[in-house]
Amino acid sequence: MPIKIYDKRADTSEVAKGLSTEYKIKLHSGDIYAPQLENKEPLLEELNHFFNCIKDNKKPLTDLENGLRVVQVLEACQNSIRNNGKWIKI
C-alpha cells in the first residue's frame, strides 16, 4: 500500500471587534505526494545495518546514547501522565 502525504491545513486569524474577538478560519487543500518507497522488511534491514556496522567498524545510526535518550523521554512522558501533565525535566 503506497504512502500518501497530503498538503492540508487550517490557517486561523483573529480580528478584534470592540469588546469581542472574531476568529476566521481559512482551509487549504493542496497537492498529494506519493513517494516511491522500497518494499523491504524493516527488521531485516535493521539487522543488516547492525551487522555491516560491526563488519566495517562503523557507528550505527541509532547507538547506545540514542537508545538511552529515547528511554529517558518515554519515562518522563509516563511520569508526566502520572502527575496530570506536569512538565518533567529530562
PDB file of N, CA and C in Angstrom:
ATOM      1  N   MET A   1       0.848  -1.169   0.000  1.00  0.00           N
ATOM      2  CA  MET A   1       0.000   0.000   0.000  1.00  0.00           C
ATOM      3  C   MET A   1       0.902   1.243   0.000  1.00  0.00           C
ATOM      4  N   PRO A   2       0.743   2.130  -0.981  1.00  0.00           N
ATOM      5  CA  PRO A   2       1.608   3.314  -1.038  1.00  0.00           C
ATOM      6  C   PRO A   2       1.264   4.318   0.063  1.00  0.00           C
ATOM      7  N   ILE A   3       2.284   5.038   0.470  1.00  0.00           N
ATOM      8  CA  ILE A   3       2.105   6.107   1.452  1.00  0.00           C
ATOM      9  C   ILE A   3       1.777   7.389   0.705  1.00  0.00           C
ATOM     10  N   LYS A   4       0.814   8.147   1.208  1.00  0.00           N
ATOM     11  CA  LYS A   4       0.451   9.427   0.598  1.00  0.00           C
ATOM     12  C   LYS A   4       0.602  10.533   1.636  1.00  0.00           C
ATOM     13  N   ILE A   5       1.155  11.650   1.200  1.00  0.00           N
ATOM     14  CA  ILE A   5       1.333  12.820   2.061  1.00  0.00           C
ATOM     15  C   ILE A   5       0.431  13.918   1.508  1.00  0.00           C
ATOM     16  N   TYR A   6      -0.479  14.402   2.338  1.00  0.00           N
ATOM     17  CA  TYR A   6      -1.449  15.406   1.917  1.00  0.00           C
ATOM     18  C   TYR A   6      -1.047  16.783   2.438  1.00  0.00           C
ATOM     19  N   ASP A   7      -1.193  17.794   1.590  1.00  0.00           N
ATOM     20  CA  ASP A   7      -0.943  19.183   1.991  1.00  0.00           C
ATOM     21  C   ASP A   7      -2.288  19.796   2.358  1.00  0.00           C
ATOM     22  N   LYS A   8      -2.667  19.627   3.626  1.00  0.00           N
ATOM     23  CA  LYS A   8      -3.932  20.179   4.123  1.00  0.00           C
ATOM     24  C   LYS A   8      -3.646  20.919   5.417  1.00  0.00           C
ATOM     25  N   ARG A   9      -4.323  22.041   5.582  1.00  0.00           N
ATOM     26  CA  ARG A   9      -4.136  22.793   6.821  1.00  0.00           C
ATOM     27  C   ARG A   9      -5.294  23.774   7.012  1.00  0.00           C
ATOM     28  N   ALA A  10      -5.366  24.293   8.219  1.00  0.00           N
ATOM     29  CA  ALA A  10      -6.331  25.336   8.547  1.00  0.00           C
ATOM     30  C   ALA A  10      -5.550  26.502   9.134  1.00  0.00           C
ATOM     31  N   ASP A  11      -5.637  27.653   8.481  1.00  0.00           N
ATOM     32  CA  ASP A  11      -4.985  28.861   8.983  1.00  0.00           C
ATOM     33  C   ASP A  11      -6.022  29.684   9.729  1.00  0.00           C
ATOM     34  N   THR A  12      -5.644  30.176  10.895  1.00  0.00           N
ATOM     35  CA  THR A  12      -6.580  30.970  11.681  1.00  0.00           C
ATOM     36  C   THR A  12      -6.059  32.390  11.851  1.00  0.00           C
ATOM     37  N   SER A  13      -6.987  33.300  11.991  1.00  0.00           N
ATOM     38  CA  SER A  13      -6.635  34.689  12.296  1.00  0.00           C
ATOM     39  C   SER A  13      -7.743  35.239  13.183  1.00  0.00           C
ATOM     40  N   GLU A  14      -7.402  36.258  13.934  1.00  0.00           N
ATOM     41  CA  GLU A  14      -8.413  36.858  14.802  1.00  0.00           C
ATOM     42  C   GLU A  14      -8.459  38.357  14.568  1.00  0.00           C
ATOM     43  N   VAL A  15      -9.668  38.904  14.652  1.00  0.00           N
ATOM     44  CA  VAL A  15      -9.887  40.330  14.444  1.00  0.00           C
ATOM     45  C   VAL A  15     -10.667  40.844  15.647  1.00  0.00           C
ATOM     46  N   ALA A  16     -10.133  41.887  16.288  1.00  0.00           N
ATOM     47  CA  ALA A  16     -10.823  42.477  17.437  1.00  0.00           C
ATOM     48  C   ALA A  16     -12.033  43.253  16.937  1.00  0.00           C
ATOM     49  N   LYS A  17     -13.187  43.026  17.541  1.00  0.00           N
ATOM     50  CA  LYS A  17     -14.441  43.718  17.209  1.00  0.00           C
ATOM     51  C   LYS A  17     -15.004  44.310  18.490  1.00  0.00           C
ATOM     52  N   GLY A  18     -14.527  45.475  18.855  1.00  0.00           N
ATOM     53  CA  GLY A  18     -14.982  46.096  20.086  1.00  0.00           C
ATOM     54  C   GLY A  18     -14.531  45.290  21.287  1.00  0.00           C
ATOM     55  N   LEU A  19     -15.491  44.805  22.078  1.00  0.00           N
ATOM     56  CA  LEU A  19     -15.166  44.024  23.266  1.00  0.00           C
ATOM     57  C   LEU A  19     -15.026  42.528  22.963  1.00  0.00           C
ATOM     58  N   SER A  20     -15.313  42.138  21.746  1.00  0.00           N
ATOM     59  CA  SER A  20     -15.206  40.718  21.403  1.00  0.00           C
ATOM     60  C   SER A  20     -14.151  40.516  20.307  1.00  0.00           C
ATOM     61  N   THR A  21     -13.877  39.287  20.035  1.00  0.00           N
ATOM     62  CA  THR A  21     -12.902  38.930  19.006  1.00  0.00           C
ATOM     63  C   THR A  21     -13.555  37.975  18.020  1.00  0.00           C
ATOM     64  N   GLU A  22     -13.335  38.229  16.742  1.00  0.00           N
ATOM     65  CA  GLU A  22     -13.872  37.359  15.700  1.00  0.00           C
ATOM     66  C   GLU A  22     -12.726  36.508  15.154  1.00  0.00           C
ATOM     67  N   TYR A  23     -12.965  35.224  15.037  1.00  0.00           N
ATOM     68  CA  TYR A  23     -11.950  34.307  14.526  1.00  0.00           C
ATOM     69  C   TYR A  23     -12.329  33.870  13.117  1.00  0.00           C
ATOM     70  N   LYS A  24     -11.335  33.874  12.245  1.00  0.00           N
ATOM     71  CA  LYS A  24     -11.565  33.434  10.872  1.00  0.00           C
ATOM     72  C   LYS A  24     -10.688  32.218  10.605  1.00  0.00           C
ATOM     73  N   ILE A  25     -11.261  31.229   9.955  1.00  0.00           N
ATOM     74  CA  ILE A  25     -10.533  30.011   9.613  1.00  0.00           C
ATOM     75  C   ILE A  25     -10.523  29.870   8.095  1.00  0.00           C
ATOM     76  N   LYS A  26      -9.328  29.699   7.552  1.00  0.00           N
ATOM     77  CA  LYS A  26      -9.166  29.504   6.107  1.00  0.00           C
ATOM     78  C   LYS A  26      -8.625  28.096   5.892  1.00  0.00           C
ATOM     79  N   LEU A  27      -9.399  27.268   5.188  1.00  0.00           N
ATOM     80  CA  LEU A  27      -8.990  25.892   4.924  1.00  0.00           C
ATOM     81  C   LEU A  27      -8.192  25.827   3.628  1.00  0.00           C
ATOM     82  N   HIS A  28      -7.131  25.035   3.654  1.00  0.00           N
ATOM     83  CA  HIS A  28      -6.274  24.876   2.473  1.00  0.00           C
ATOM     84  C   HIS A  28      -6.144  23.396   2.159  1.00  0.00           C
ATOM     85  N   SER A  29      -6.343  23.055   0.905  1.00  0.00           N
ATOM     86  CA  SER A  29      -6.160  21.681   0.449  1.00  0.00           C
ATOM     87  C   SER A  29      -5.295  21.736  -0.799  1.00  0.00           C
ATOM     88  N   GLY A  30      -4.066  21.233  -0.685  1.00  0.00           N
ATOM     89  CA  GLY A  30      -3.108  21.327  -1.783  1.00  0.00           C
ATOM     90  C   GLY A  30      -2.802  19.989  -2.412  1.00  0.00           C
ATOM     91  N   ASP A  31      -1.560  19.840  -2.793  1.00  0.00           N
ATOM     92  CA  ASP A  31      -1.109  18.657  -3.521  1.00  0.00           C
ATOM     93  C   ASP A  31      -1.097  17.398  -2.650  1.00  0.00           C
ATOM     94  N   ILE A  32      -1.088  16.274  -3.332  1.00  0.00           N
ATOM     95  CA  ILE A  32      -0.897  14.970  -2.694  1.00  0.00           C
ATOM     96  C   ILE A  32       0.402  14.404  -3.245  1.00  0.00           C
ATOM     97  N   TYR A  33       1.292  14.003  -2.344  1.00  0.00           N
ATOM     98  CA  TYR A  33       2.596  13.476  -2.738  1.00  0.00           C
ATOM     99  C   TYR A  33       2.651  12.004  -2.348  1.00  0.00           C
ATOM    100  N   ALA A  34       3.014  11.154  -3.296  1.00  0.00           N
ATOM    101  CA  ALA A  34       3.131   9.715  -3.035  1.00  0.00           C
ATOM    102  C   ALA A  34       4.554   9.276  -3.379  1.00  0.00           C
ATOM    103  N   PRO A  35       5.474   9.332  -2.399  1.00  0.00           N
ATOM    104  CA  PRO A  35       6.868   8.971  -2.688  1.00  0.00           C
ATOM    105  C   PRO A  35       7.016   7.479  -2.973  1.00  0.00           C
ATOM    106  N   GLN A  36       7.944   7.157  -3.841  1.00  0.00           N
ATOM    107  CA  GLN A  36       8.245   5.759  -4.140  1.00  0.00           C
ATOM    108  C   GLN A  36       9.171   5.217  -3.053  1.00  0.00           C
ATOM    109  N   LEU A  37       8.709   4.247  -2.308  1.00  0.00           N
ATOM    110  CA  LEU A  37       9.497   3.651  -1.237  1.00  0.00           C
ATOM    111  C   LEU A  37       9.770   2.193  -1.567  1.00  0.00           C
ATOM    112  N   GLU A  38      10.972   1.754  -1.211  1.00  0.00           N
ATOM    113  CA  GLU A  38      11.307   0.352  -1.418  1.00  0.00           C
ATOM    114  C   GLU A  38      10.539  -0.502  -0.412  1.00  0.00           C
ATOM    115  N   ASN A  39       9.997  -1.606  -0.875  1.00  0.00           N
ATOM    116  CA  ASN A  39       9.241  -2.501  -0.007  1.00  0.00           C
ATOM    117  C   ASN A  39      10.205  -3.530   0.587  1.00  0.00           C
ATOM    118  N   LYS A  40      10.747  -3.203   1.772  1.00  0.00           N
ATOM    119  CA  LYS A  40      11.714  -4.081   2.428  1.00  0.00           C
ATOM    120  C   LYS A  40      11.230  -4.432   3.831  1.00  0.00           C
ATOM    121  N   GLU A  41      11.698  -5.548   4.328  1.00  0.00           N
ATOM    122  CA  GLU A  41      11.364  -6.000   5.682  1.00  0.00           C
ATOM    123  C   GLU A  41      12.171  -5.164   6.681  1.00  0.00           C
ATOM    124  N   PRO A  42      11.508  -4.354   7.533  1.00  0.00           N
ATOM    125  CA  PRO A  42      12.213  -3.437   8.434  1.00  0.00           C
ATOM    126  C   PRO A  42      13.211  -4.111   9.379  1.00  0.00           C
ATOM    127  N   LEU A  43      12.827  -5.221  10.008  1.00  0.00           N
ATOM    128  CA  LEU A  43      13.731  -5.871  10.959  1.00  0.00           C
ATOM    129  C   LEU A  43      14.967  -6.418  10.251  1.00  0.00           C
ATOM    130  N   LEU A  44      14.781  -6.974   9.063  1.00  0.00           N
ATOM    131  CA  LEU A  44      15.915  -7.473   8.287  1.00  0.00           C
ATOM    132  C   LEU A  44      16.863  -6.331   7.917  1.00  0.00           C
ATOM    133  N   GLU A  45      16.309  -5.181   7.534  1.00  0.00           N
ATOM    134  CA  GLU A  45      17.137  -4.008   7.207  1.00  0.00           C
ATOM    135  C   GLU A  45      17.924  -3.539   8.428  1.00  0.00           C
ATOM    136  N   GLU A  46      17.266  -3.536   9.585  1.00  0.00           N
ATOM    137  CA  GLU A  46      17.933  -3.119  10.822  1.00  0.00           C
ATOM    138  C   GLU A  46      19.076  -4.074  11.169  1.00  0.00           C
ATOM    139  N   LEU A  47      18.819  -5.358  11.046  1.00  0.00           N
ATOM    140  CA  LEU A  47      19.866  -6.351  11.326  1.00  0.00           C
ATOM    141  C   LEU A  47      21.032  -6.234  10.346  1.00  0.00           C
ATOM    142  N   ASN A  48      20.732  -6.052   9.060  1.00  0.00           N
ATOM    143  CA  ASN A  48      21.794  -5.880   8.067  1.00  0.00           C
ATOM    144  C   ASN A  48      22.645  -4.657   8.379  1.00  0.00           C
ATOM    145  N   HIS A  49      22.000  -3.570   8.770  1.00  0.00           N
ATOM    146  CA  HIS A  49      22.739  -2.354   9.138  1.00  0.00           C
ATOM    147  C   HIS A  49      23.645  -2.635  10.345  1.00  0.00           C
ATOM    148  N   PHE A  50      23.100  -3.316  11.336  1.00  0.00           N
ATOM    149  CA  PHE A  50      23.871  -3.648  12.540  1.00  0.00           C
ATOM    150  C   PHE A  50      25.084  -4.516  12.191  1.00  0.00           C
ATOM    151  N   PHE A  51      24.857  -5.550  11.396  1.00  0.00           N
ATOM    152  CA  PHE A  51      25.966  -6.437  11.006  1.00  0.00           C
ATOM    153  C   PHE A  51      27.019  -5.694  10.189  1.00  0.00           C
ATOM    154  N   ASN A  52      26.581  -4.817   9.291  1.00  0.00           N
ATOM    155  CA  ASN A  52      27.533  -4.037   8.494  1.00  0.00           C
ATOM    156  C   ASN A  52      28.344  -3.087   9.366  1.00  0.00           C
ATOM    157  N   CYS A  53      27.728  -2.526  10.396  1.00  0.00           N
ATOM    158  CA  CYS A  53      28.462  -1.650  11.319  1.00  0.00           C
ATOM    159  C   CYS A  53      29.551  -2.438  12.048  1.00  0.00           C
ATOM    160  N   ILE A  54      29.222  -3.652  12.460  1.00  0.00           N
ATOM    161  CA  ILE A  54      30.221  -4.497  13.133  1.00  0.00           C
ATOM    162  C   ILE A  54      31.339  -4.852  12.157  1.00  0.00           C
ATOM    163  N   LYS A  55      30.959  -5.290  10.966  1.00  0.00           N
ATOM    164  CA  LYS A  55      31.937  -5.716   9.959  1.00  0.00           C
ATOM    165  C   LYS A  55      32.872  -4.566   9.561  1.00  0.00           C
ATOM    166  N   ASP A  56      32.304  -3.347   9.382  1.00  0.00           N
ATOM    167  CA  ASP A  56      33.083  -2.198   8.911  1.00  0.00           C
ATOM    168  C   ASP A  56      33.566  -1.297  10.043  1.00  0.00           C
ATOM    169  N   ASN A  57      33.298  -1.710  11.302  1.00  0.00           N
ATOM    170  CA  ASN A  57      33.694  -0.934  12.481  1.00  0.00           C
ATOM    171  C   ASN A  57      33.184   0.512  12.406  1.00  0.00           C
ATOM    172  N   LYS A  58      31.884   0.659  12.105  1.00  0.00           N
ATOM    173  CA  LYS A  58      31.255   1.977  12.000  1.00  0.00           C
ATOM    174  C   LYS A  58      30.209   2.144  13.098  1.00  0.00           C
ATOM    175  N   LYS A  59      29.908   3.399  13.404  1.00  0.00           N
ATOM    176  CA  LYS A  59      28.896   3.716  14.404  1.00  0.00           C
ATOM    177  C   LYS A  59      27.504   3.572  13.767  1.00  0.00           C
ATOM    178  N   PRO A  60      26.575   2.865  14.429  1.00  0.00           N
ATOM    179  CA  PRO A  60      25.229   2.709  13.869  1.00  0.00           C
ATOM    180  C   PRO A  60      24.448   4.027  13.891  1.00  0.00           C
ATOM    181  N   LEU A  61      23.407   4.088  13.075  1.00  0.00           N
ATOM    182  CA  LEU A  61      22.578   5.293  13.027  1.00  0.00           C
ATOM    183  C   LEU A  61      21.964   5.590  14.391  1.00  0.00           C
ATOM    184  N   THR A  62      21.530   4.554  15.094  1.00  0.00           N
ATOM    185  CA  THR A  62      20.993   4.718  16.442  1.00  0.00           C
ATOM    186  C   THR A  62      21.867   3.894  17.379  1.00  0.00           C
ATOM    187  N   ASP A  63      22.648   4.609  18.182  1.00  0.00           N
ATOM    188  CA  ASP A  63      23.599   3.944  19.069  1.00  0.00           C
ATOM    189  C   ASP A  63      23.067   3.892  20.499  1.00  0.00           C
ATOM    190  N   LEU A  64      23.908   3.482  21.423  1.00  0.00           N
ATOM    191  CA  LEU A  64      23.516   3.341  22.826  1.00  0.00           C
ATOM    192  C   LEU A  64      23.015   4.660  23.410  1.00  0.00           C
ATOM    193  N   GLU A  65      23.711   5.761  23.111  1.00  0.00           N
ATOM    194  CA  GLU A  65      23.304   7.066  23.644  1.00  0.00           C
ATOM    195  C   GLU A  65      21.914   7.453  23.143  1.00  0.00           C
ATOM    196  N   ASN A  66      21.653   7.177  21.866  1.00  0.00           N
ATOM    197  CA  ASN A  66      20.346   7.473  21.300  1.00  0.00           C
ATOM    198  C   ASN A  66      19.263   6.638  21.981  1.00  0.00           C
ATOM    199  N   GLY A  67      19.535   5.363  22.192  1.00  0.00           N
ATOM    200  CA  GLY A  67      18.581   4.485  22.867  1.00  0.00           C
ATOM    201  C   GLY A  67      18.299   4.935  24.291  1.00  0.00           C
ATOM    202  N   LEU A  68      19.355   5.359  24.999  1.00  0.00           N
ATOM    203  CA  LEU A  68      19.196   5.857  26.365  1.00  0.00           C
ATOM    204  C   LEU A  68      18.318   7.102  26.382  1.00  0.00           C
ATOM    205  N   ARG A  69      18.530   7.999  25.430  1.00  0.00           N
ATOM    206  CA  ARG A  69      17.743   9.235  25.354  1.00  0.00           C
ATOM    207  C   ARG A  69      16.262   8.912  25.097  1.00  0.00           C
ATOM    208  N   VAL A  70      16.002   7.960  24.227  1.00  0.00           N
ATOM    209  CA  VAL A  70      14.620   7.561  23.941  1.00  0.00           C
ATOM    210  C   VAL A  70      13.951   7.035  25.211  1.00  0.00           C
ATOM    211  N   VAL A  71      14.650   6.191  25.962  1.00  0.00           N
ATOM    212  CA  VAL A  71      14.101   5.647  27.207  1.00  0.00           C
ATOM    213  C   VAL A  71      13.848   6.768  28.212  1.00  0.00           C
ATOM    214  N   GLN A  72      14.756   7.742  28.310  1.00  0.00           N
ATOM    215  CA  GLN A  72      14.570   8.869  29.233  1.00  0.00           C
ATOM    216  C   GLN A  72      13.327   9.672  28.865  1.00  0.00           C
ATOM    217  N   VAL A  73      13.131   9.914  27.583  1.00  0.00           N
ATOM    218  CA  VAL A  73      11.955  10.673  27.134  1.00  0.00           C
ATOM    219  C   VAL A  73      10.680   9.895  27.438  1.00  0.00           C
ATOM    220  N   LEU A  74      10.665   8.593  27.160  1.00  0.00           N
ATOM    221  CA  LEU A  74       9.480   7.779  27.431  1.00  0.00           C
ATOM    222  C   LEU A  74       9.164   7.718  28.924  1.00  0.00           C
ATOM    223  N   GLU A  75      10.193   7.593  29.756  1.00  0.00           N
ATOM    224  CA  GLU A  75       9.977   7.580  31.210  1.00  0.00           C
ATOM    225  C   GLU A  75       9.449   8.926  31.691  1.00  0.00           C
ATOM    226  N   ALA A  76       9.952  10.022  31.133  1.00  0.00           N
ATOM    227  CA  ALA A  76       9.458  11.348  31.505  1.00  0.00           C
ATOM    228  C   ALA A  76       8.001  11.513  31.082  1.00  0.00           C
ATOM    229  N   CYS A  77       7.639  10.965  29.923  1.00  0.00           N
ATOM    230  CA  CYS A  77       6.244  11.015  29.474  1.00  0.00           C
ATOM    231  C   CYS A  77       5.341  10.271  30.456  1.00  0.00           C
ATOM    232  N   GLN A  78       5.751   9.070  30.857  1.00  0.00           N
ATOM    233  CA  GLN A  78       4.978   8.285  31.826  1.00  0.00           C
ATOM    234  C   GLN A  78       4.834   9.042  33.139  1.00  0.00           C
ATOM    235  N   ASN A  79       5.925   9.626  33.604  1.00  0.00           N
ATOM    236  CA  ASN A  79       5.918  10.385  34.850  1.00  0.00           C
ATOM    237  C   ASN A  79       4.977  11.583  34.737  1.00  0.00           C
ATOM    238  N   SER A  80       5.002  12.265  33.595  1.00  0.00           N
ATOM    239  CA  SER A  80       4.117  13.404  33.372  1.00  0.00           C
ATOM    240  C   SER A  80       2.655  12.970  33.383  1.00  0.00           C
ATOM    241  N   ILE A  81       2.357  11.846  32.735  1.00  0.00           N
ATOM    242  CA  ILE A  81       0.982  11.333  32.708  1.00  0.00           C
ATOM    243  C   ILE A  81       0.506  11.019  34.119  1.00  0.00           C
ATOM    244  N   ARG A  82       1.369  10.393  34.925  1.00  0.00           N
ATOM    245  CA  ARG A  82       1.006  10.050  36.313  1.00  0.00           C
ATOM    246  C   ARG A  82       0.783  11.292  37.172  1.00  0.00           C
ATOM    247  N   ASN A  83       1.351  12.431  36.745  1.00  0.00           N
ATOM    248  CA  ASN A  83       1.258  13.671  37.519  1.00  0.00           C
ATOM    249  C   ASN A  83       0.415  14.724  36.804  1.00  0.00           C
ATOM    250  N   ASN A  84      -0.642  14.272  36.131  1.00  0.00           N
ATOM    251  CA  ASN A  84      -1.617  15.163  35.489  1.00  0.00           C
ATOM    252  C   ASN A  84      -1.004  16.138  34.491  1.00  0.00           C
ATOM    253  N   GLY A  85      -0.047  15.685  33.708  1.00  0.00           N
ATOM    254  CA  GLY A  85       0.532  16.513  32.651  1.00  0.00           C
ATOM    255  C   GLY A  85       1.611  17.473  33.100  1.00  0.00           C
ATOM    256  N   LYS A  86       2.092  17.296  34.323  1.00  0.00           N
ATOM    257  CA  LYS A  86       3.148  18.169  34.844  1.00  0.00           C
ATOM    258  C   LYS A  86       4.392  18.060  33.963  1.00  0.00           C
ATOM    259  N   TRP A  87       5.077  19.204  33.747  1.00  0.00           N
ATOM    260  CA  TRP A  87       6.327  19.219  32.984  1.00  0.00           C
ATOM    261  C   TRP A  87       7.396  18.479  33.773  1.00  0.00           C
ATOM    262  N   ILE A  88       8.105  17.592  33.110  1.00  0.00           N
ATOM    263  CA  ILE A  88       9.164  16.806  33.738  1.00  0.00           C
ATOM    264  C   ILE A  88      10.485  17.162  33.070  1.00  0.00           C
ATOM    265  N   LYS A  89      11.453  17.571  33.871  1.00  0.00           N
ATOM    266  CA  LYS A  89      12.768  17.910  33.329  1.00  0.00           C
ATOM    267  C   LYS A  89      13.541  16.629  33.034  1.00  0.00           C
ATOM    268  N   ILE A  90      14.175  16.617  31.878  1.00  0.00           N
ATOM    269  CA  ILE A  90      14.977  15.452  31.487  1.00  0.00           C
ATOM    270  C   ILE A  90      16.447  15.819  31.586  1.00  0.00           C
TER     271      ILE A  90
END
